[in-house]
Protein backbone atom coordinates (compact mmCIF):
# COMPACT_ATOMS: atom_id res chain seq x y z
CA UNK A 1 26.27 11.50 -20.13
CA UNK A 2 27.09 10.76 -23.77
CA UNK A 3 25.88 7.78 -25.77
CA UNK A 4 26.85 6.25 -29.06
CA UNK A 5 24.08 6.44 -31.67
CA UNK A 6 23.42 2.72 -31.27
CA UNK A 7 23.18 2.93 -27.50
CA UNK A 8 20.95 6.01 -27.60
CA UNK A 9 18.63 4.31 -30.06
CA UNK A 10 18.41 1.22 -27.86
CA UNK A 11 17.68 3.32 -24.76
CA UNK A 12 14.95 5.34 -26.49
CA UNK A 13 13.40 2.18 -27.92
CA UNK A 14 13.30 0.60 -24.48
CA UNK A 15 11.69 3.72 -23.04
CA UNK A 16 9.06 3.69 -25.80
CA UNK A 17 8.17 0.15 -24.79
CA UNK A 18 8.00 1.28 -21.18
CA UNK A 19 5.61 4.12 -21.92
CA UNK A 20 3.33 1.82 -23.88
CA UNK A 21 2.33 0.14 -20.67
CA UNK A 22 2.32 2.22 -17.47
CA UNK A 23 1.79 5.86 -18.15
CA UNK A 24 -0.93 8.36 -17.26
CA UNK A 25 -2.02 11.23 -19.46
CA UNK A 26 -3.43 13.11 -16.47
CA UNK A 27 -2.76 12.45 -12.78
CA UNK A 28 -5.81 13.52 -10.70
CA UNK A 29 -3.66 13.82 -7.57
CA UNK A 30 -1.75 16.65 -9.24
CA UNK A 31 -4.42 18.51 -11.23
CA UNK A 32 -8.06 18.40 -12.32
CA UNK A 33 -8.58 15.65 -14.88
CA UNK A 34 -11.50 14.43 -17.01
CA UNK A 35 -13.70 11.77 -15.39
CA UNK A 36 -13.44 8.06 -16.17
CA UNK A 37 -16.27 6.18 -17.86
CA UNK A 38 -17.27 3.27 -15.60
CA UNK A 39 -18.64 -0.14 -16.55
CA UNK A 40 -21.01 -0.16 -13.56
CA UNK A 41 -22.24 -2.90 -11.27
CA UNK A 42 -24.71 -5.45 -12.61
CA UNK A 43 -23.14 -5.11 -16.06
CA UNK A 44 -20.55 -7.89 -16.44
CA UNK A 45 -18.03 -7.17 -19.17
CA UNK A 46 -16.97 -10.46 -20.78
CA UNK A 47 -14.78 -10.93 -23.84
CA UNK A 48 -14.24 -14.27 -25.57
CA UNK A 49 -11.19 -13.61 -27.72
CA UNK A 50 -11.62 -16.96 -29.52
CA UNK A 51 -14.67 -15.45 -31.23
CA UNK A 52 -12.97 -12.26 -32.39
CA UNK A 53 -12.32 -11.98 -36.12
CA UNK A 54 -10.03 -9.60 -37.94
CA UNK A 55 -7.28 -7.56 -36.35
CA UNK A 56 -9.18 -4.54 -35.02
CA UNK A 57 -9.65 -4.01 -31.30
CA UNK A 58 -12.68 -5.90 -29.94
CA UNK A 59 -15.63 -3.90 -28.62
CA UNK A 60 -14.74 -2.20 -25.35
CA UNK A 61 -10.97 -2.44 -25.89
CA UNK A 62 -8.28 -0.09 -27.22
CA UNK A 63 -4.80 -0.75 -28.60
CA UNK A 64 -1.68 0.97 -27.31
CA UNK A 65 0.37 2.77 -29.95
CA UNK A 66 2.25 0.35 -32.17
CA UNK A 67 0.13 -2.65 -31.13
CA UNK A 68 -0.79 -5.24 -33.75
CA UNK A 69 -2.96 -8.16 -32.71
CA UNK A 70 -4.30 -11.36 -34.23
CA UNK A 71 -7.06 -13.69 -33.03
CA UNK A 72 -8.02 -17.29 -33.69
CA UNK A 73 -10.60 -19.78 -32.45
CA UNK A 74 -8.01 -21.98 -30.73
CA UNK A 75 -5.85 -19.62 -28.66
CA UNK A 76 -7.81 -16.39 -28.72
CA UNK A 77 -5.81 -13.15 -28.59
CA UNK A 78 -2.19 -13.45 -29.72
CA UNK A 79 0.17 -10.90 -28.18
CA UNK A 80 3.09 -11.66 -30.48
CA UNK A 81 6.53 -10.07 -30.23
CA UNK A 82 8.84 -10.44 -33.22
CA UNK A 83 11.21 -7.48 -32.67
CA UNK A 84 13.14 -6.18 -29.67
CA UNK A 85 10.87 -3.11 -29.47
CA UNK A 86 7.62 -5.10 -29.59
CA UNK A 87 5.10 -4.49 -26.80
CA UNK A 88 1.55 -5.42 -27.87
CA UNK A 89 -0.81 -4.04 -25.23
CA UNK A 90 -4.59 -3.72 -25.05
CA UNK A 91 -6.68 -2.00 -22.40
CA UNK A 92 -10.35 -1.65 -21.56
CA UNK A 93 -12.02 1.54 -22.73
CA UNK A 94 -13.86 1.83 -19.40
CA UNK A 95 -12.92 1.63 -15.73
CA UNK A 96 -13.99 -0.32 -12.66
CA UNK A 97 -14.21 0.98 -9.09
CA UNK A 98 -13.44 -2.19 -7.12
CA UNK A 99 -14.63 -5.51 -8.51
CA UNK A 100 -13.40 -8.81 -9.89
CA UNK A 101 -11.35 -9.65 -12.98
CA UNK A 102 -10.59 -13.17 -14.23
CA UNK A 103 -8.35 -14.06 -17.18
CA UNK A 104 -7.67 -17.42 -18.84
CA UNK A 105 -4.21 -17.05 -20.31
CA UNK A 106 -0.98 -18.69 -21.36
CA UNK A 107 2.07 -16.51 -20.75
CA UNK A 108 4.90 -16.25 -23.24
CA UNK A 109 7.97 -18.42 -22.68
CA UNK A 110 11.34 -16.95 -23.58
CA UNK A 111 14.31 -15.41 -21.82
CA UNK A 112 13.93 -11.65 -21.57
CA UNK A 113 10.17 -11.71 -22.23
CA UNK A 114 7.57 -10.47 -19.72
CA UNK A 115 3.81 -11.12 -19.93
CA UNK A 116 1.38 -9.10 -17.83
CA UNK A 117 -2.21 -8.73 -16.66
CA UNK A 118 -2.71 -5.55 -14.63
CA UNK A 119 -5.25 -3.13 -13.24
CA UNK A 120 -4.09 0.50 -13.39
CA UNK A 121 -5.60 3.87 -12.50
CA UNK A 122 -5.03 7.43 -13.70
CA UNK A 123 -3.03 8.23 -10.55
CA UNK A 124 -0.98 5.04 -11.08
CA UNK A 125 -2.48 2.78 -8.47
CA UNK A 126 -1.74 -0.70 -9.77
CA UNK A 127 -2.46 -4.39 -9.18
CA UNK A 128 -0.40 -6.93 -11.14
CA UNK A 129 0.03 -10.46 -12.32
CA UNK A 130 3.32 -10.88 -14.22
CA UNK A 131 5.21 -13.78 -15.76
CA UNK A 132 8.89 -14.01 -16.61
CA UNK A 133 9.36 -16.03 -19.78
CA UNK A 134 12.51 -17.60 -18.37
CA UNK A 135 10.71 -18.96 -15.29
CA UNK A 136 8.21 -21.79 -15.78
CA UNK A 137 7.89 -22.46 -12.05
CA UNK A 138 6.21 -19.35 -10.64
CA UNK A 139 4.03 -16.31 -11.27
CA UNK A 140 4.48 -12.90 -9.66
CA UNK A 141 1.87 -10.77 -7.89
CA UNK A 142 2.56 -7.12 -7.17
CA UNK A 143 0.95 -3.77 -6.40
CA UNK A 144 1.76 -0.06 -6.43
CA UNK A 145 0.11 3.01 -4.96
CA UNK A 146 0.14 6.46 -6.57
CA UNK A 147 3.06 5.47 -8.80
CA UNK A 148 5.37 5.13 -5.80
CA UNK A 149 8.58 3.46 -7.00
CA UNK A 150 10.87 4.51 -4.16
CA UNK A 151 11.02 0.84 -3.18
CA UNK A 152 10.39 -2.43 -4.99
CA UNK A 153 9.63 -4.76 -2.12
CA UNK A 154 6.01 -5.62 -2.86
CA UNK A 155 6.43 -8.48 -5.33
CA UNK A 156 5.78 -12.09 -4.30
CA UNK A 157 6.52 -15.15 -6.45
CA UNK A 158 3.98 -17.96 -6.22
CA UNK A 159 4.93 -21.55 -7.15
CA UNK A 160 2.91 -22.90 -10.06
CA UNK A 161 3.66 -25.73 -12.47
CA UNK A 162 3.95 -24.76 -16.15
CA UNK A 163 3.64 -21.08 -15.36
CA UNK A 164 4.53 -20.00 -18.90
CA UNK A 165 3.98 -23.21 -20.84
CA UNK A 166 0.47 -24.01 -19.61
CA UNK A 167 -2.98 -22.45 -19.53
CA UNK A 168 -4.18 -21.05 -16.20
CA UNK A 169 -6.96 -18.89 -14.81
CA UNK A 170 -5.73 -15.81 -12.94
CA UNK A 171 -8.13 -13.79 -10.83
CA UNK A 172 -7.97 -10.48 -8.97
CA UNK A 173 -10.61 -9.66 -6.37
CA UNK A 174 -10.37 -6.00 -5.42
CA UNK A 175 -12.33 -4.25 -2.65
CA UNK A 176 -11.77 -1.21 -0.46
CA UNK A 177 -10.62 -3.55 2.31
CA UNK A 178 -8.32 -5.96 0.47
CA UNK A 179 -6.93 -7.34 -2.77
CA UNK A 180 -6.89 -11.10 -3.32
CA UNK A 181 -4.99 -12.96 -6.03
CA UNK A 182 -6.21 -16.43 -7.10
CA UNK A 183 -4.84 -19.10 -9.46
CA UNK A 184 -7.04 -21.60 -11.29
CA UNK A 185 -9.95 -23.03 -9.27
CA UNK A 186 -8.41 -22.48 -5.86
CA UNK A 187 -10.87 -21.39 -3.17
CA UNK A 188 -8.06 -19.94 -1.09
CA UNK A 189 -6.17 -16.98 -2.61
CA UNK A 190 -2.43 -17.23 -3.07
CA UNK A 191 -2.12 -13.75 -1.62
CA UNK A 192 -4.15 -11.25 0.38
CA UNK A 193 -3.23 -7.59 0.68
CA UNK A 194 -5.16 -5.85 3.45
CA UNK A 195 -5.85 -2.12 3.23
CA UNK A 196 -3.82 -1.50 6.38
CA UNK A 197 -0.95 -3.84 5.53
CA UNK A 198 2.40 -2.25 6.53
CA UNK A 199 3.48 -2.06 2.88
CA UNK A 200 0.51 0.17 2.07
CA UNK A 201 1.77 2.77 4.58
CA UNK A 202 -1.49 3.03 6.55
CA UNK A 203 -3.54 2.56 3.41
CA UNK A 204 -2.09 5.50 1.50
CA UNK A 205 -0.38 3.15 -0.97
CA UNK A 206 -3.30 0.73 -1.22
CA UNK A 207 -4.77 0.63 -4.77
CA UNK A 208 -8.14 2.39 -4.41
CA UNK A 209 -8.99 4.51 -7.44
CA UNK A 210 -10.84 3.63 -10.71
CA UNK A 211 -8.87 1.14 -12.77
CA UNK A 212 -8.54 0.08 -16.38
CA UNK A 213 -7.56 -3.50 -17.18
CA UNK A 214 -4.48 -3.99 -19.36
CA UNK A 215 -3.07 -7.10 -21.00
CA UNK A 216 0.32 -7.12 -22.67
CA UNK A 217 3.56 -8.79 -23.65
CA UNK A 218 6.87 -6.94 -23.76
CA UNK A 219 10.64 -7.28 -24.00
CA UNK A 220 12.28 -6.90 -20.61
CA UNK A 221 15.81 -7.16 -22.00
CA UNK A 222 16.38 -6.35 -25.66
CA UNK A 223 19.98 -7.46 -26.19
CA UNK A 224 23.49 -7.80 -24.75
CA UNK A 225 23.96 -4.03 -24.90
CA UNK A 226 20.94 -3.52 -22.64
CA UNK A 227 22.23 -6.19 -20.26
CA UNK A 228 25.51 -4.31 -19.81
CA UNK A 229 24.07 -0.78 -19.72
CA UNK A 230 23.88 0.53 -16.11
CA UNK A 231 20.46 2.04 -16.85
CA UNK A 232 18.89 -1.23 -17.99
CA UNK A 233 21.03 -4.01 -16.52
CA UNK A 234 18.76 -4.34 -13.49
CA UNK A 235 15.72 -4.85 -15.69
CA UNK A 236 17.67 -7.38 -17.74
CA UNK A 237 18.68 -9.38 -14.68
CA UNK A 238 15.08 -9.45 -13.50
CA UNK A 239 13.89 -10.57 -16.95
CA UNK A 240 16.43 -13.40 -17.00
CA UNK A 241 18.79 -11.96 -19.61
CA UNK A 242 18.61 -10.76 -23.23
CA UNK A 243 15.89 -12.00 -25.56
CA UNK A 244 16.98 -13.59 -28.82
CA UNK A 245 15.42 -12.72 -32.14
CA UNK A 246 17.78 -14.81 -34.24
CA UNK A 247 16.33 -16.77 -37.16
CA UNK A 248 13.03 -14.91 -36.99
CA UNK A 249 12.21 -15.96 -33.42
CA UNK A 250 8.95 -14.63 -31.97
CA UNK A 251 7.20 -14.84 -28.61
CA UNK A 252 3.47 -15.06 -27.97
CA UNK A 253 1.26 -14.60 -24.94
CA UNK A 254 -2.28 -15.92 -25.47
CA UNK A 255 -5.52 -14.92 -23.78
CA UNK A 256 -8.70 -16.90 -24.48
CA UNK A 257 -11.15 -14.92 -22.39
CA UNK A 258 -11.60 -12.33 -19.67
CA UNK A 259 -14.48 -11.62 -17.29
CA UNK A 260 -14.75 -8.22 -15.61
CA UNK A 261 -17.20 -7.13 -12.91
CA UNK A 262 -17.38 -3.53 -11.69
CA UNK A 263 -18.52 -3.15 -8.08
CA UNK A 264 -18.92 0.60 -8.46
CA UNK A 265 -21.88 2.67 -9.64
CA UNK A 266 -20.69 3.19 -13.20
CA UNK A 267 -21.53 6.36 -15.04
CA UNK A 268 -18.54 8.66 -14.77
CA UNK A 269 -16.02 8.23 -11.96
CA UNK A 270 -14.53 11.53 -10.85
CA UNK A 271 -11.82 12.49 -8.35
CA UNK A 272 -13.41 15.15 -6.11
CA UNK A 273 -10.06 16.14 -4.59
CA UNK A 274 -6.37 15.31 -4.98
CA UNK A 275 -6.02 12.79 -2.16
CA UNK A 276 -6.39 9.72 -4.37
CA UNK A 277 -8.48 8.04 -1.66
CA UNK A 278 -11.47 5.85 -2.48
CA UNK A 279 -13.67 8.17 -0.43
CA UNK A 280 -12.91 10.99 -2.85
CA UNK A 281 -14.26 9.10 -5.88
CA UNK A 282 -17.76 10.08 -7.02
CA UNK A 283 -20.05 8.57 -9.65
CA UNK A 284 -22.49 10.39 -11.90
CA UNK A 285 -25.03 7.60 -11.34
CA UNK A 286 -27.65 8.11 -8.65
CA UNK A 287 -30.28 5.98 -6.95
CA UNK A 288 -30.61 2.58 -5.36
CA UNK A 289 -28.73 0.87 -8.18
CA UNK A 290 -25.50 2.48 -7.03
CA UNK A 291 -23.62 -0.35 -5.31
CA UNK A 292 -22.38 -0.21 -1.75
CA UNK A 293 -19.42 -2.04 -0.31
CA UNK A 294 -20.02 -5.64 0.63
CA UNK A 295 -16.97 -5.75 2.87
CA UNK A 296 -17.14 -2.64 5.01
CA UNK A 297 -15.80 -4.19 8.19
CA UNK A 298 -12.12 -3.76 8.88
CA UNK A 299 -12.56 -6.59 11.34
CA UNK A 300 -13.13 -8.94 8.42
CA UNK A 301 -9.79 -7.99 6.91
CA UNK A 302 -8.14 -8.37 10.31
CA UNK A 303 -9.67 -11.82 10.65
CA UNK A 304 -8.20 -12.83 7.31
CA UNK A 305 -4.78 -11.52 8.31
CA UNK A 306 -4.96 -13.34 11.64
CA UNK A 307 -5.88 -16.61 9.97
CA UNK A 308 -3.02 -16.17 7.53
CA UNK A 309 -0.47 -15.63 10.27
CA UNK A 310 -1.37 -18.80 12.13
CA UNK A 311 -2.17 -21.29 9.40
CA UNK A 312 0.04 -23.50 7.26
CA UNK A 313 -1.84 -23.71 3.97
CA UNK A 314 -1.74 -26.80 1.78
CA UNK A 315 -0.70 -26.30 -1.84
CA UNK A 316 -1.90 -28.98 -4.30
CA UNK A 317 0.77 -30.92 -6.17
CA UNK A 318 -0.68 -29.79 -9.50
CA UNK A 319 0.26 -26.20 -8.68
CA UNK A 320 3.79 -26.82 -7.48
CA UNK A 321 6.57 -27.65 -9.87
CA UNK A 322 8.67 -30.52 -8.65
CA UNK A 323 6.51 -31.42 -5.65
CA UNK A 324 7.23 -34.90 -4.35
CA UNK A 325 4.09 -35.47 -2.33
CA UNK A 326 0.39 -34.75 -2.53
CA UNK A 327 0.57 -31.37 -0.82
CA UNK A 328 3.16 -28.89 0.34
CA UNK A 329 2.70 -26.51 3.27
CA UNK A 330 3.40 -22.82 2.97
CA UNK A 331 3.38 -21.17 6.40
CA UNK A 332 2.37 -17.55 6.13
CA UNK A 333 4.12 -14.81 8.07
CA UNK A 334 1.20 -12.45 7.49
CA UNK A 335 -1.58 -11.70 5.05
CA UNK A 336 0.68 -10.28 2.39
CA UNK A 337 4.28 -11.32 2.76
CA UNK A 338 6.34 -14.10 4.24
CA UNK A 339 9.23 -14.20 6.64
CA UNK A 340 11.80 -15.30 4.13
CA UNK A 341 13.55 -13.31 1.43
CA UNK A 342 16.62 -15.51 1.19
CA UNK A 343 18.19 -16.77 -2.01
CA UNK A 344 16.63 -20.18 -1.47
CA UNK A 345 13.16 -18.65 -1.34
CA UNK A 346 13.41 -16.96 -4.73
CA UNK A 347 12.14 -19.03 -7.69
CA UNK A 348 14.47 -20.65 -10.17
CA UNK A 349 15.67 -18.19 -12.77
CA UNK A 350 15.28 -15.14 -10.53
CA UNK A 351 18.32 -13.89 -8.66
CA UNK A 352 17.68 -12.38 -5.23
CA UNK A 353 19.97 -9.56 -6.27
CA UNK A 354 18.39 -9.25 -9.67
CA UNK A 355 17.17 -6.13 -11.41
CA UNK A 356 13.83 -4.58 -11.14
CA UNK A 357 11.47 -3.33 -13.81
CA UNK A 358 7.94 -2.46 -14.49
CA UNK A 359 6.38 -4.56 -17.13
CA UNK A 360 2.89 -4.06 -18.38
CA UNK A 361 2.63 -1.93 -15.45
CA UNK A 362 4.86 -2.96 -12.63
CA UNK A 363 8.16 -2.29 -11.02
CA UNK A 364 8.63 -5.84 -9.98
CA UNK A 365 11.62 -8.04 -9.44
CA UNK A 366 13.68 -9.07 -6.47
CA UNK A 367 16.02 -6.39 -5.29
CA UNK A 368 16.52 -3.91 -8.03
CA UNK A 369 19.40 -2.02 -9.55
CA UNK A 370 17.28 0.11 -11.82
CA UNK A 371 13.80 0.27 -13.18
CA UNK A 372 11.69 1.74 -15.90
CA UNK A 373 7.98 2.36 -15.88
CA UNK A 374 5.71 1.72 -18.88
CA UNK A 375 2.20 2.52 -20.38
CA UNK A 376 -0.62 4.83 -21.36
CA UNK A 377 -3.97 5.68 -19.88
CA UNK A 378 -7.05 7.38 -21.32
CA UNK A 379 -9.80 9.37 -19.74
CA UNK A 380 -13.49 9.93 -20.14
CA UNK A 381 -15.57 12.88 -19.01
CA UNK A 382 -18.58 13.52 -16.83
CA UNK A 383 -20.19 15.06 -13.78
CA UNK A 384 -19.92 14.13 -10.11
CA UNK A 385 -22.81 13.35 -7.86
CA UNK A 386 -22.95 10.25 -5.70
CA UNK A 387 -20.11 8.39 -4.03
CA UNK A 388 -18.85 5.42 -6.02
CA UNK A 389 -19.94 2.06 -4.70
CA UNK A 390 -17.87 -0.69 -3.25
CA UNK A 391 -16.93 -4.26 -3.62
CA UNK A 392 -17.42 -7.97 -3.29
CA UNK A 393 -18.07 -9.68 0.04
CA UNK A 394 -15.18 -10.56 2.26
CA UNK A 395 -13.86 -13.98 3.15
CA UNK A 396 -12.21 -15.30 6.28
CA UNK A 397 -10.43 -18.21 4.62
CA UNK A 398 -6.69 -18.39 5.22
CA UNK A 399 -4.57 -17.31 2.25
CA UNK A 400 -1.92 -19.36 0.49
CA UNK A 401 1.26 -17.38 0.89
CA UNK A 402 4.38 -18.40 -0.97
CA UNK A 403 7.72 -18.40 0.82
CA UNK A 404 9.37 -16.02 -1.60
CA UNK A 405 9.01 -12.33 -1.10
CA UNK A 406 11.06 -9.94 -3.21
CA UNK A 407 13.89 -8.16 -1.47
CA UNK A 408 13.87 -4.38 -1.46
CA UNK A 409 16.06 -1.70 -2.91
CA UNK A 410 15.89 2.03 -2.20
CA UNK A 411 16.77 4.34 -5.03
CA UNK A 412 18.85 7.46 -4.63
CA UNK A 413 17.83 10.83 -6.01
CA UNK A 414 20.20 10.54 -8.98
CA UNK A 415 18.84 7.12 -10.00
CA UNK A 416 15.24 8.31 -9.77
CA UNK A 417 16.03 11.46 -11.73
CA UNK A 418 17.61 9.39 -14.50
CA UNK A 419 14.59 7.05 -14.63
CA UNK A 420 11.93 9.72 -14.82
CA UNK A 421 13.92 11.93 -17.19
CA UNK A 422 14.38 8.91 -19.43
CA UNK A 423 10.68 8.10 -19.36
CA UNK A 424 9.86 11.63 -20.42
CA UNK A 425 12.23 11.39 -23.38
CA UNK A 426 10.76 8.02 -24.31
CA UNK A 427 7.26 9.48 -24.36
CA UNK A 428 8.31 12.38 -26.59
CA UNK A 429 9.74 10.09 -29.25
CA UNK A 430 6.72 7.75 -29.42
């Protein structure tokens, strides 16, 4: 396929943005890779970005290539985009092996802009929160296993007032048995993904390997040319259309603080084989301080799923845009998804036939035409001895499940070849 110089430049620029956010330098399921330095249990990693001065990366964080950040005492970290190729992204220098991560953030408003908070591993397991700048009524949760992008049917949109114009706390609780997503001070999660949920394909696609935490802001649709290009039009539809940079426009995502707890043993996390299973992960730390799973019973996860399938959960008015009464019920079809994927169930600004893309680490959207994957990962080194420890305790409370699950799209061999070939080219020109 031939491109004009302008089109080729736009495509390569978009692929550079993609690689700034979900990319691995070494996939342990394909070859032997260096170990990952772990934070370790009993060592909370907290960062108050309102207290950071200067522009250098705070202690324990690294900048993706091309990232420029600023910090102030009012809004904390400013992930500002002022050009169509902007993609400010920061990631933790160390990893967690199960645990809890909480972020207080304000996503960036703006058509074509995507803000993200993700957990990502070297073998491309992934847990996401993402915000579309064109949609102030919902936030998206998503997950991926082993970089599998053959389908994009895992995203769920959760109703929330002022999703991109207000400050909210977003939490991810990750264990070997489940992932839970929370918003603000809610006791009940908005979503629960059980290890054996059908979408995890008997657990093989469940995120279960050491993760870094990444925060970023990126351009999902650069311009009208990207919106009409078959390779990027799907991403553009998902992002709401082209971003505008007329008259010096810029777009900022803000993060005031983040709290990270590692449930694993710390030391160095190492893949002892190429299965990518949590049982294959070892830690160089030994002794009684090495944590064990607090939610070992699969029955606990089953109890949660059962409660979800039979309970209509009440959503507070403050979390639902346009609610006319004190609470609104959201009847759950199961612990991870809902029965409906109709046009009426998709949030305002997101077409049920819209394109699909991975932002700061995801291939989200509702029914995709095409997708690109983005990012970088780094590795540590170390020895293997004891098995890495587990996770937080389980809960049997019924989840809040939104009534909008993304529709799926299966890619053909040609489409996938184009995507991955493109990503490789993008990485080479970084």
